Amino acid sequence: MDSPRQTVTLSSTAWTTIAGHASSAFPEECCGVLVGLSAPASFTVHSAHPCPNRAPQSRHNSFLIDPDDILVIRRLARDSGLDLIGFYHSHPNARAYFSPRDLRQCWPGYPNLVVSVPNGQPPTAKAFLAGSDLTHAAEIPVTIAPLPAPDTILL
């Protein structure tokens, strides 16, 4: 029997945060952490937490989230009854796709939202989930829906 297809549901508040972050970081890549709840076939993102892009090379085509930022957000999320469930980053002036670099840097089993930021246009996004061997990532459906807002987590 096939397992149910995994999906990502973003709260409208999380999407507003992500889209604003991606637009304001343009023409550099932005990055951040997704916080919410996960179940076997779904990831529900209650909030998005922008992180500084710490990439040592060009931030126009790469990103790096400081591991300390991840630890702080994860601890605060758990204190609120939620968890770190994924990540996001942008592709300025490029489509939303999962690049080979994205695949090498991702956490398998955690959704990765890739945000396309065309110059002067509203951002769009696709979600990807990498396999445990990090050789491939599958696109998974994304929806935006109003969800109850959990307590705000500040970095």
N, C-alpha and C. Protein backbone atom coordinates (compact mmCIF):
# COMPACT_ATOMS: atom_id res chain seq x y z
N MET A 1 0.84 -1.19 0.00
CA MET A 1 0.00 0.00 0.00
C MET A 1 0.88 1.24 0.00
N ASP A 2 0.56 2.23 -0.85
CA ASP A 2 1.33 3.45 -0.92
C ASP A 2 1.04 4.33 0.29
N SER A 3 2.09 5.04 0.74
CA SER A 3 1.88 5.98 1.83
C SER A 3 1.27 7.25 1.27
N PRO A 4 0.54 8.03 2.09
CA PRO A 4 -0.08 9.25 1.60
C PRO A 4 0.99 10.24 1.14
N ARG A 5 0.66 11.03 0.13
CA ARG A 5 1.59 12.03 -0.38
C ARG A 5 1.74 13.15 0.64
N GLN A 6 2.97 13.55 0.90
CA GLN A 6 3.21 14.60 1.87
C GLN A 6 2.87 15.97 1.28
N THR A 7 2.42 16.86 2.14
CA THR A 7 2.06 18.22 1.74
C THR A 7 2.60 19.22 2.75
N VAL A 8 2.69 20.46 2.33
CA VAL A 8 3.08 21.56 3.21
C VAL A 8 1.94 22.57 3.20
N THR A 9 1.45 22.91 4.39
CA THR A 9 0.47 23.98 4.53
C THR A 9 1.14 25.12 5.27
N LEU A 10 1.18 26.28 4.63
CA LEU A 10 1.76 27.49 5.23
C LEU A 10 0.65 28.36 5.78
N SER A 11 0.83 28.86 6.99
CA SER A 11 -0.12 29.86 7.47
C SER A 11 0.07 31.11 6.61
N SER A 12 -0.99 31.88 6.46
CA SER A 12 -0.88 33.10 5.68
C SER A 12 0.14 34.05 6.31
N THR A 13 0.25 34.02 7.62
CA THR A 13 1.24 34.85 8.32
C THR A 13 2.66 34.41 7.97
N ALA A 14 2.89 33.09 7.94
CA ALA A 14 4.22 32.58 7.58
C ALA A 14 4.56 32.99 6.15
N TRP A 15 3.60 32.85 5.22
CA TRP A 15 3.88 33.21 3.83
C TRP A 15 4.18 34.70 3.70
N THR A 16 3.45 35.54 4.42
CA THR A 16 3.70 36.98 4.37
C THR A 16 5.13 37.28 4.85
N THR A 17 5.56 36.62 5.91
CA THR A 17 6.92 36.79 6.43
C THR A 17 7.96 36.36 5.39
N ILE A 18 7.76 35.18 4.80
CA ILE A 18 8.71 34.64 3.82
C ILE A 18 8.77 35.53 2.58
N ALA A 19 7.63 35.89 2.03
CA ALA A 19 7.60 36.71 0.82
C ALA A 19 8.24 38.08 1.07
N GLY A 20 7.95 38.66 2.23
CA GLY A 20 8.56 39.96 2.57
C GLY A 20 10.06 39.85 2.73
N HIS A 21 10.52 38.78 3.38
CA HIS A 21 11.95 38.57 3.57
C HIS A 21 12.64 38.39 2.22
N ALA A 22 12.06 37.57 1.35
CA ALA A 22 12.66 37.32 0.04
C ALA A 22 12.72 38.60 -0.79
N SER A 23 11.67 39.39 -0.74
CA SER A 23 11.64 40.64 -1.50
C SER A 23 12.64 41.65 -0.96
N SER A 24 12.74 41.75 0.35
CA SER A 24 13.66 42.74 0.93
C SER A 24 15.12 42.33 0.79
N ALA A 25 15.40 41.04 0.72
CA ALA A 25 16.78 40.57 0.56
C ALA A 25 17.26 40.68 -0.89
N PHE A 26 16.32 40.77 -1.84
CA PHE A 26 16.66 40.82 -3.25
C PHE A 26 17.68 41.93 -3.51
N PRO A 27 18.74 41.70 -4.25
CA PRO A 27 19.03 40.59 -5.15
C PRO A 27 19.83 39.44 -4.52
N GLU A 28 19.95 39.44 -3.19
CA GLU A 28 20.62 38.33 -2.52
C GLU A 28 19.60 37.27 -2.12
N GLU A 29 20.10 36.06 -1.85
CA GLU A 29 19.24 35.01 -1.33
C GLU A 29 18.92 35.29 0.14
N CYS A 30 17.71 34.99 0.52
CA CYS A 30 17.34 35.04 1.93
C CYS A 30 17.23 33.60 2.42
N CYS A 31 17.15 33.43 3.73
CA CYS A 31 17.00 32.08 4.28
C CYS A 31 16.35 32.18 5.65
N GLY A 32 15.76 31.06 6.06
CA GLY A 32 15.11 31.04 7.36
C GLY A 32 14.60 29.66 7.72
N VAL A 33 13.95 29.61 8.86
CA VAL A 33 13.50 28.36 9.47
C VAL A 33 11.98 28.36 9.53
N LEU A 34 11.39 27.19 9.27
CA LEU A 34 9.95 26.99 9.35
C LEU A 34 9.61 26.27 10.65
N VAL A 35 8.65 26.80 11.38
CA VAL A 35 8.25 26.24 12.67
C VAL A 35 6.78 25.86 12.62
N GLY A 36 6.47 24.70 13.17
CA GLY A 36 5.08 24.26 13.19
C GLY A 36 4.96 22.85 13.70
N LEU A 37 4.09 22.08 13.06
CA LEU A 37 3.82 20.70 13.47
C LEU A 37 3.93 19.80 12.26
N SER A 38 4.40 18.58 12.47
CA SER A 38 4.47 17.62 11.37
C SER A 38 3.72 16.36 11.74
N ALA A 39 3.19 15.72 10.72
CA ALA A 39 2.50 14.44 10.85
C ALA A 39 3.05 13.57 9.72
N PRO A 40 2.73 12.29 9.70
CA PRO A 40 3.31 11.44 8.65
C PRO A 40 3.11 11.95 7.22
N ALA A 41 1.99 12.58 6.93
CA ALA A 41 1.74 13.01 5.54
C ALA A 41 1.63 14.51 5.39
N SER A 42 1.93 15.27 6.45
CA SER A 42 1.78 16.72 6.30
C SER A 42 2.72 17.49 7.22
N PHE A 43 3.02 18.68 6.75
CA PHE A 43 3.80 19.64 7.53
C PHE A 43 2.97 20.91 7.59
N THR A 44 2.67 21.38 8.79
CA THR A 44 1.88 22.59 8.95
C THR A 44 2.78 23.66 9.53
N VAL A 45 3.04 24.71 8.73
CA VAL A 45 3.95 25.78 9.11
C VAL A 45 3.15 26.91 9.74
N HIS A 46 3.35 27.10 11.04
CA HIS A 46 2.67 28.18 11.75
C HIS A 46 3.41 29.50 11.64
N SER A 47 4.75 29.42 11.59
CA SER A 47 5.53 30.66 11.54
C SER A 47 6.84 30.43 10.79
N ALA A 48 7.33 31.52 10.22
CA ALA A 48 8.61 31.51 9.52
C ALA A 48 9.54 32.48 10.24
N HIS A 49 10.80 32.09 10.37
CA HIS A 49 11.76 32.88 11.13
C HIS A 49 12.98 33.21 10.28
N PRO A 50 13.02 34.46 9.77
CA PRO A 50 14.15 34.87 8.95
C PRO A 50 15.46 34.76 9.72
N CYS A 51 16.49 34.33 9.02
CA CYS A 51 17.84 34.24 9.58
C CYS A 51 18.79 35.03 8.68
N PRO A 52 19.85 35.59 9.26
CA PRO A 52 20.83 36.25 8.40
C PRO A 52 21.49 35.23 7.47
N ASN A 53 21.73 35.63 6.24
CA ASN A 53 22.44 34.78 5.29
C ASN A 53 23.94 34.89 5.60
N ARG A 54 24.52 33.81 6.09
CA ARG A 54 25.93 33.80 6.50
C ARG A 54 26.85 33.18 5.44
N ALA A 55 26.37 33.08 4.20
CA ALA A 55 27.20 32.48 3.15
C ALA A 55 28.50 33.26 3.01
N PRO A 56 29.63 32.55 3.02
CA PRO A 56 30.92 33.24 2.91
C PRO A 56 31.21 33.72 1.49
N GLN A 57 30.58 33.10 0.50
CA GLN A 57 30.77 33.51 -0.88
C GLN A 57 29.59 34.37 -1.31
N SER A 58 29.38 34.52 -2.58
CA SER A 58 28.32 35.38 -3.11
C SER A 58 26.96 35.00 -2.54
N ARG A 59 26.32 35.95 -1.90
CA ARG A 59 24.97 35.72 -1.37
C ARG A 59 23.91 35.90 -2.45
N HIS A 60 24.34 36.22 -3.67
CA HIS A 60 23.41 36.32 -4.80
C HIS A 60 22.99 34.94 -5.29
N ASN A 61 23.79 33.91 -4.97
CA ASN A 61 23.45 32.56 -5.44
C ASN A 61 23.76 31.48 -4.41
N SER A 62 23.82 31.86 -3.14
CA SER A 62 24.03 30.86 -2.08
C SER A 62 23.54 31.42 -0.75
N PHE A 63 23.33 30.49 0.18
CA PHE A 63 22.90 30.89 1.52
C PHE A 63 23.50 29.93 2.54
N LEU A 64 23.55 30.39 3.76
CA LEU A 64 24.00 29.55 4.88
C LEU A 64 23.32 30.06 6.14
N ILE A 65 22.66 29.15 6.85
CA ILE A 65 22.05 29.51 8.13
C ILE A 65 23.01 29.09 9.24
N ASP A 66 23.29 30.00 10.14
CA ASP A 66 24.19 29.72 11.27
C ASP A 66 23.56 28.62 12.13
N PRO A 67 24.30 27.55 12.42
CA PRO A 67 23.76 26.48 13.27
C PRO A 67 23.27 26.97 14.63
N ASP A 68 23.89 28.02 15.16
CA ASP A 68 23.43 28.57 16.44
C ASP A 68 22.02 29.15 16.31
N ASP A 69 21.72 29.79 15.16
CA ASP A 69 20.36 30.31 14.94
C ASP A 69 19.35 29.17 14.92
N ILE A 70 19.73 28.07 14.27
CA ILE A 70 18.84 26.90 14.21
C ILE A 70 18.57 26.36 15.61
N LEU A 71 19.60 26.25 16.43
CA LEU A 71 19.44 25.73 17.80
C LEU A 71 18.53 26.62 18.64
N VAL A 72 18.73 27.93 18.53
CA VAL A 72 17.90 28.86 19.31
C VAL A 72 16.44 28.76 18.88
N ILE A 73 16.18 28.77 17.58
CA ILE A 73 14.80 28.70 17.09
C ILE A 73 14.17 27.36 17.48
N ARG A 74 14.91 26.29 17.35
CA ARG A 74 14.37 24.97 17.70
C ARG A 74 13.99 24.91 19.19
N ARG A 75 14.85 25.43 20.06
CA ARG A 75 14.56 25.41 21.49
C ARG A 75 13.33 26.25 21.82
N LEU A 76 13.25 27.44 21.24
CA LEU A 76 12.10 28.31 21.50
C LEU A 76 10.82 27.71 20.92
N ALA A 77 10.93 27.06 19.77
CA ALA A 77 9.75 26.41 19.19
C ALA A 77 9.24 25.31 20.11
N ARG A 78 10.14 24.48 20.58
CA ARG A 78 9.74 23.38 21.47
C ARG A 78 9.13 23.90 22.76
N ASP A 79 9.66 25.01 23.27
CA ASP A 79 9.08 25.62 24.47
C ASP A 79 7.65 26.07 24.23
N SER A 80 7.28 26.31 22.97
CA SER A 80 5.93 26.73 22.60
C SER A 80 5.06 25.56 22.14
N GLY A 81 5.58 24.32 22.26
CA GLY A 81 4.81 23.15 21.84
C GLY A 81 4.88 22.87 20.35
N LEU A 82 5.81 23.53 19.65
CA LEU A 82 5.98 23.34 18.22
C LEU A 82 7.38 22.78 17.98
N ASP A 83 7.78 22.70 16.71
CA ASP A 83 9.12 22.20 16.41
C ASP A 83 9.62 22.83 15.12
N LEU A 84 10.90 22.77 14.92
CA LEU A 84 11.49 23.14 13.65
C LEU A 84 11.08 22.04 12.67
N ILE A 85 10.41 22.43 11.59
CA ILE A 85 9.94 21.40 10.65
C ILE A 85 10.49 21.58 9.24
N GLY A 86 11.25 22.65 8.99
CA GLY A 86 11.80 22.84 7.66
C GLY A 86 12.54 24.15 7.53
N PHE A 87 12.88 24.46 6.28
CA PHE A 87 13.69 25.63 5.98
C PHE A 87 13.16 26.30 4.72
N TYR A 88 13.56 27.55 4.52
CA TYR A 88 13.24 28.23 3.26
C TYR A 88 14.43 29.05 2.82
N HIS A 89 14.50 29.29 1.53
CA HIS A 89 15.47 30.23 0.97
C HIS A 89 14.94 30.71 -0.38
N SER A 90 15.55 31.76 -0.88
CA SER A 90 15.07 32.34 -2.14
C SER A 90 16.07 32.12 -3.27
N HIS A 91 15.53 32.21 -4.48
CA HIS A 91 16.32 32.21 -5.70
C HIS A 91 16.01 33.52 -6.42
N PRO A 92 16.85 34.55 -6.23
CA PRO A 92 16.60 35.83 -6.91
C PRO A 92 16.71 35.69 -8.43
N ASN A 93 15.74 36.24 -9.12
CA ASN A 93 15.71 36.21 -10.59
C ASN A 93 15.87 34.80 -11.15
N ALA A 94 15.35 33.83 -10.46
CA ALA A 94 15.40 32.43 -10.93
C ALA A 94 14.11 31.74 -10.50
N ARG A 95 13.84 30.63 -11.14
CA ARG A 95 12.63 29.89 -10.80
C ARG A 95 12.82 29.15 -9.48
N ALA A 96 11.74 28.70 -8.92
CA ALA A 96 11.77 27.93 -7.67
C ALA A 96 12.06 26.47 -8.01
N TYR A 97 13.30 26.06 -7.85
CA TYR A 97 13.71 24.69 -8.11
C TYR A 97 14.72 24.29 -7.05
N PHE A 98 14.96 23.00 -6.91
CA PHE A 98 15.89 22.49 -5.92
C PHE A 98 17.20 22.18 -6.62
N SER A 99 18.19 23.03 -6.42
CA SER A 99 19.46 22.91 -7.12
C SER A 99 20.33 21.81 -6.51
N PRO A 100 21.35 21.37 -7.22
CA PRO A 100 22.28 20.39 -6.63
C PRO A 100 22.90 20.88 -5.32
N ARG A 101 23.20 22.17 -5.24
CA ARG A 101 23.74 22.74 -3.98
C ARG A 101 22.70 22.65 -2.87
N ASP A 102 21.44 22.96 -3.21
CA ASP A 102 20.37 22.86 -2.21
C ASP A 102 20.28 21.43 -1.68
N LEU A 103 20.38 20.47 -2.58
CA LEU A 103 20.29 19.06 -2.19
C LEU A 103 21.44 18.66 -1.26
N ARG A 104 22.64 19.13 -1.56
CA ARG A 104 23.81 18.79 -0.71
C ARG A 104 23.69 19.39 0.68
N GLN A 105 23.03 20.55 0.81
CA GLN A 105 22.99 21.26 2.09
C GLN A 105 21.75 20.98 2.93
N CYS A 106 20.77 20.28 2.38
CA CYS A 106 19.49 20.16 3.08
C CYS A 106 19.51 19.09 4.18
N TRP A 107 18.49 19.12 5.00
CA TRP A 107 18.25 18.08 6.00
C TRP A 107 17.24 17.13 5.39
N PRO A 108 17.58 15.87 5.17
CA PRO A 108 16.60 14.95 4.59
C PRO A 108 15.39 14.78 5.51
N GLY A 109 14.23 14.69 4.89
CA GLY A 109 12.99 14.51 5.65
C GLY A 109 12.38 15.81 6.14
N TYR A 110 13.05 16.94 5.89
CA TYR A 110 12.52 18.25 6.28
C TYR A 110 12.18 19.02 5.00
N PRO A 111 10.98 19.58 4.90
CA PRO A 111 10.64 20.31 3.68
C PRO A 111 11.51 21.56 3.52
N ASN A 112 11.82 21.83 2.29
CA ASN A 112 12.59 23.02 1.93
C ASN A 112 11.75 23.84 0.96
N LEU A 113 11.37 25.03 1.39
CA LEU A 113 10.58 25.92 0.55
C LEU A 113 11.56 26.79 -0.23
N VAL A 114 11.46 26.75 -1.55
CA VAL A 114 12.31 27.58 -2.41
C VAL A 114 11.43 28.66 -3.02
N VAL A 115 11.83 29.91 -2.81
CA VAL A 115 11.03 31.06 -3.21
C VAL A 115 11.67 31.72 -4.42
N SER A 116 10.92 31.80 -5.51
CA SER A 116 11.36 32.50 -6.70
C SER A 116 11.05 33.98 -6.52
N VAL A 117 12.06 34.83 -6.76
CA VAL A 117 11.87 36.27 -6.63
C VAL A 117 12.26 36.93 -7.95
N PRO A 118 11.32 36.99 -8.91
CA PRO A 118 11.64 37.68 -10.16
C PRO A 118 11.67 39.19 -9.90
N ASN A 119 12.59 39.86 -10.50
CA ASN A 119 12.77 41.30 -10.29
C ASN A 119 11.45 42.05 -10.49
N GLY A 120 11.00 42.68 -9.41
CA GLY A 120 9.80 43.50 -9.48
C GLY A 120 8.49 42.74 -9.48
N GLN A 121 8.52 41.43 -9.31
CA GLN A 121 7.30 40.62 -9.33
C GLN A 121 7.07 39.99 -7.96
N PRO A 122 5.83 39.65 -7.63
CA PRO A 122 5.57 38.97 -6.36
C PRO A 122 6.24 37.60 -6.32
N PRO A 123 6.77 37.21 -5.17
CA PRO A 123 7.41 35.89 -5.04
C PRO A 123 6.41 34.75 -5.18
N THR A 124 6.91 33.61 -5.64
CA THR A 124 6.17 32.36 -5.68
C THR A 124 7.06 31.29 -5.05
N ALA A 125 6.48 30.15 -4.68
CA ALA A 125 7.29 29.15 -3.99
C ALA A 125 6.88 27.73 -4.36
N LYS A 126 7.84 26.84 -4.22
CA LYS A 126 7.62 25.40 -4.33
C LYS A 126 8.34 24.75 -3.15
N ALA A 127 7.83 23.59 -2.72
CA ALA A 127 8.46 22.86 -1.62
C ALA A 127 9.05 21.56 -2.13
N PHE A 128 10.16 21.17 -1.51
CA PHE A 128 10.87 19.96 -1.90
C PHE A 128 11.23 19.17 -0.65
N LEU A 129 11.25 17.86 -0.79
CA LEU A 129 11.60 16.97 0.31
C LEU A 129 12.66 16.00 -0.20
N ALA A 130 13.84 16.04 0.42
CA ALA A 130 14.95 15.19 -0.01
C ALA A 130 14.85 13.82 0.61
N GLY A 131 15.29 12.82 -0.17
CA GLY A 131 15.38 11.46 0.34
C GLY A 131 16.53 11.32 1.32
N SER A 132 16.51 10.28 2.11
CA SER A 132 17.53 10.09 3.16
C SER A 132 18.94 9.94 2.61
N ASP A 133 19.07 9.52 1.34
CA ASP A 133 20.40 9.36 0.77
C ASP A 133 20.91 10.64 0.09
N LEU A 134 20.12 11.69 0.10
CA LEU A 134 20.46 12.98 -0.49
C LEU A 134 20.84 12.89 -1.98
N THR A 135 20.25 11.95 -2.69
CA THR A 135 20.52 11.86 -4.13
C THR A 135 19.39 12.46 -4.96
N HIS A 136 18.25 12.72 -4.34
CA HIS A 136 17.12 13.28 -5.06
C HIS A 136 16.19 14.01 -4.09
N ALA A 137 15.36 14.89 -4.65
CA ALA A 137 14.34 15.57 -3.87
C ALA A 137 13.07 15.60 -4.70
N ALA A 138 11.96 15.36 -4.06
CA ALA A 138 10.66 15.37 -4.73
C ALA A 138 9.94 16.67 -4.41
N GLU A 139 9.27 17.22 -5.41
CA GLU A 139 8.43 18.38 -5.16
C GLU A 139 7.18 17.90 -4.43
N ILE A 140 6.77 18.67 -3.43
CA ILE A 140 5.55 18.34 -2.69
C ILE A 140 4.62 19.55 -2.73
N PRO A 141 3.29 19.31 -2.72
CA PRO A 141 2.33 20.42 -2.83
C PRO A 141 2.42 21.39 -1.65
N VAL A 142 2.19 22.66 -1.97
CA VAL A 142 2.17 23.73 -0.97
C VAL A 142 0.83 24.44 -1.06
N THR A 143 0.22 24.68 0.09
CA THR A 143 -0.98 25.51 0.14
C THR A 143 -0.77 26.58 1.20
N ILE A 144 -1.46 27.68 1.03
CA ILE A 144 -1.44 28.77 2.02
C ILE A 144 -2.84 28.86 2.59
N ALA A 145 -2.93 28.84 3.92
CA ALA A 145 -4.24 28.85 4.57
C ALA A 145 -4.15 29.64 5.87
N PRO A 146 -5.24 30.26 6.27
CA PRO A 146 -5.23 30.91 7.58
C PRO A 146 -5.16 29.84 8.67
N LEU A 147 -4.24 29.99 9.58
CA LEU A 147 -4.10 29.07 10.71
C LEU A 147 -4.05 29.89 11.98
N PRO A 148 -4.40 29.33 13.11
CA PRO A 148 -4.26 30.05 14.37
C PRO A 148 -2.78 30.40 14.57
N ALA A 149 -2.51 31.62 14.98
CA ALA A 149 -1.12 32.05 15.18
C ALA A 149 -0.62 31.59 16.55
N PRO A 150 0.49 30.86 16.58
CA PRO A 150 1.09 30.48 17.87
C PRO A 150 1.83 31.69 18.43
N ASP A 151 2.36 31.54 19.63
CA ASP A 151 3.17 32.60 20.21
C ASP A 151 4.33 32.93 19.26
N THR A 152 4.68 34.18 19.18
CA THR A 152 5.78 34.60 18.31
C THR A 152 7.10 34.17 18.92
N ILE A 153 7.96 33.66 18.07
CA ILE A 153 9.31 33.27 18.47
C ILE A 153 10.26 34.28 17.90
N LEU A 154 11.03 34.94 18.71
CA LEU A 154 11.97 35.93 18.24
C LEU A 154 13.38 35.41 18.38
N LEU A 155 14.19 35.73 17.39
CA LEU A 155 15.59 35.31 17.41
C LEU A 155 16.43 36.42 17.99
